[in-house]
Amino acid sequence: REVFEFQTKEISAAGVFLNSAAQIPEGTRCQLELTVPSDTIKELTGAQSLIKVEGTVVRCTEKGLAICFDGECEILCIRAL
């Protein structure tokens, strides 16, 4: 198990592309915690959103990783510090 910190390039309901030079093999299973900054969410709730999801690396290039999400994800709100 390893922990990495990345910035997303693209995100959708189906998956995410992460900017990274790390070479993670296709087929690698991942657990992701994505913090989604949103002024609207923060203004309404005083929190930032957090998406917890599992997925699989489906592509790895010199520019980054494409991860396909599993069918279910959990969206949480956490208090801003």
C-alpha atoms as a PDB file:
ATOM      1  CA  ARG A   1       0.000   0.000   0.000  1.00  0.00           C
ATOM      2  CA  GLU A   2       1.181   3.460  -0.883  1.00  0.00           C
ATOM      3  CA  VAL A   3      -0.353   6.898  -0.461  1.00  0.00           C
ATOM      4  CA  PHE A   4      -0.020   9.517  -3.213  1.00  0.00           C
ATOM      5  CA  GLU A   5      -1.251  13.072  -3.532  1.00  0.00           C
ATOM      6  CA  PHE A   6      -2.329  14.205  -7.006  1.00  0.00           C
ATOM      7  CA  GLN A   7      -4.189  17.006  -8.722  1.00  0.00           C
ATOM      8  CA  THR A   8      -7.000  16.056 -11.048  1.00  0.00           C
ATOM      9  CA  LYS A   9      -6.988  17.089 -14.672  1.00  0.00           C
ATOM     10  CA  GLU A  10     -10.435  15.768 -15.554  1.00  0.00           C
ATOM     11  CA  ILE A  11     -13.177  14.212 -13.457  1.00  0.00           C
ATOM     12  CA  SER A  12     -16.582  12.744 -14.268  1.00  0.00           C
ATOM     13  CA  ALA A  13     -19.085  10.343 -12.730  1.00  0.00           C
ATOM     14  CA  ALA A  14     -17.241   7.471 -14.445  1.00  0.00           C
ATOM     15  CA  GLY A  15     -13.640   8.259 -13.488  1.00  0.00           C
ATOM     16  CA  VAL A  16     -10.750  10.661 -13.145  1.00  0.00           C
ATOM     17  CA  PHE A  17      -7.500  11.560 -14.894  1.00  0.00           C
ATOM     18  CA  LEU A  18      -4.705  12.458 -12.472  1.00  0.00           C
ATOM     19  CA  ASN A  19      -1.629  14.479 -13.403  1.00  0.00           C
ATOM     20  CA  SER A  20       1.315  12.322 -12.384  1.00  0.00           C
ATOM     21  CA  ALA A  21       4.694  11.062 -13.468  1.00  0.00           C
ATOM     22  CA  ALA A  22       4.174   7.974 -11.267  1.00  0.00           C
ATOM     23  CA  GLN A  23       4.021   4.737 -13.208  1.00  0.00           C
ATOM     24  CA  ILE A  24       1.196   2.680 -11.708  1.00  0.00           C
ATOM     25  CA  PRO A  25       0.384  -0.467 -13.668  1.00  0.00           C
ATOM     26  CA  GLU A  26      -2.930  -0.823 -15.474  1.00  0.00           C
ATOM     27  CA  GLY A  27      -5.286  -3.020 -13.472  1.00  0.00           C
ATOM     28  CA  THR A  28      -4.076  -1.655 -10.104  1.00  0.00           C
ATOM     29  CA  ARG A  29      -6.955  -1.230  -7.647  1.00  0.00           C
ATOM     30  CA  CYS A  30      -7.169   2.176  -5.920  1.00  0.00           C
ATOM     31  CA  GLN A  31      -9.007   3.803  -3.042  1.00  0.00           C
ATOM     32  CA  LEU A  32      -9.412   7.527  -3.649  1.00  0.00           C
ATOM     33  CA  GLU A  33     -10.395  10.443  -1.459  1.00  0.00           C
ATOM     34  CA  LEU A  34     -11.081  13.452  -3.672  1.00  0.00           C
ATOM     35  CA  THR A  35     -11.556  16.887  -2.134  1.00  0.00           C
ATOM     36  CA  VAL A  36     -13.705  19.022  -4.387  1.00  0.00           C
ATOM     37  CA  PRO A  37     -13.384  22.744  -3.673  1.00  0.00           C
ATOM     38  CA  SER A  38     -16.672  24.547  -4.131  1.00  0.00           C
ATOM     39  CA  ASP A  39     -17.423  28.060  -2.957  1.00  0.00           C
ATOM     40  CA  THR A  40     -21.166  27.320  -3.204  1.00  0.00           C
ATOM     41  CA  ILE A  41     -20.965  24.210  -0.991  1.00  0.00           C
ATOM     42  CA  LYS A  42     -18.733  26.037   1.480  1.00  0.00           C
ATOM     43  CA  GLU A  43     -21.066  29.040   1.549  1.00  0.00           C
ATOM     44  CA  LEU A  44     -24.170  26.884   2.144  1.00  0.00           C
ATOM     45  CA  THR A  45     -22.732  24.340   4.578  1.00  0.00           C
ATOM     46  CA  GLY A  46     -19.466  25.739   5.925  1.00  0.00           C
ATOM     47  CA  ALA A  47     -17.840  22.550   4.622  1.00  0.00           C
ATOM     48  CA  GLN A  48     -15.940  21.263   1.635  1.00  0.00           C
ATOM     49  CA  SER A  49     -17.050  18.140  -0.206  1.00  0.00           C
ATOM     50  CA  LEU A  50     -15.155  14.868  -0.077  1.00  0.00           C
ATOM     51  CA  ILE A  51     -15.729  11.990  -2.480  1.00  0.00           C
ATOM     52  CA  LYS A  52     -14.587   8.526  -1.415  1.00  0.00           C
ATOM     53  CA  VAL A  53     -14.479   6.016  -4.242  1.00  0.00           C
ATOM     54  CA  GLU A  54     -12.674   2.888  -5.385  1.00  0.00           C
ATOM     55  CA  GLY A  55     -11.543   2.208  -8.909  1.00  0.00           C
ATOM     56  CA  THR A  56      -9.039   0.635 -11.268  1.00  0.00           C
ATOM     57  CA  VAL A  57      -6.171   2.182 -13.234  1.00  0.00           C
ATOM     58  CA  VAL A  58      -7.181   1.761 -16.877  1.00  0.00           C
ATOM     59  CA  ARG A  59      -4.422   3.827 -18.510  1.00  0.00           C
ATOM     60  CA  CYS A  60      -1.004   5.091 -17.467  1.00  0.00           C
ATOM     61  CA  THR A  61       0.948   7.548 -19.626  1.00  0.00           C
ATOM     62  CA  GLU A  62       3.864   9.903 -19.081  1.00  0.00           C
ATOM     63  CA  LYS A  63       1.275  12.638 -18.363  1.00  0.00           C
ATOM     64  CA  GLY A  64      -0.804  10.778 -15.798  1.00  0.00           C
ATOM     65  CA  LEU A  65      -3.244   8.066 -14.811  1.00  0.00           C
ATOM     66  CA  ALA A  66      -6.808   7.333 -15.865  1.00  0.00           C
ATOM     67  CA  ILE A  67      -8.856   5.628 -13.163  1.00  0.00           C
ATOM     68  CA  CYS A  68     -12.301   4.148 -13.796  1.00  0.00           C
ATOM     69  CA  PHE A  69     -14.556   4.345 -10.730  1.00  0.00           C
ATOM     70  CA  ASP A  70     -16.466   1.353  -9.419  1.00  0.00           C
ATOM     71  CA  GLY A  71     -20.237   1.661  -9.605  1.00  0.00           C
ATOM     72  CA  GLU A  72     -20.742   3.169  -6.165  1.00  0.00           C
ATOM     73  CA  CYS A  73     -19.222   6.172  -4.448  1.00  0.00           C
ATOM     74  CA  GLU A  74     -19.866   8.011  -1.216  1.00  0.00           C
ATOM     75  CA  ILE A  75     -20.049  11.809  -1.137  1.00  0.00           C
ATOM     76  CA  LEU A  76     -19.424  13.396   2.253  1.00  0.00           C
ATOM     77  CA  CYS A  77     -19.122  16.905   3.599  1.00  0.00           C
ATOM     78  CA  ILE A  78     -16.347  17.736   6.018  1.00  0.00           C
ATOM     79  CA  ARG A  79     -15.997  20.877   8.073  1.00  0.00           C
ATOM     80  CA  ALA A  80     -13.585  23.444   6.695  1.00  0.00           C
ATOM     81  CA  LEU A  81     -10.660  24.219   8.958  1.00  0.00           C
END
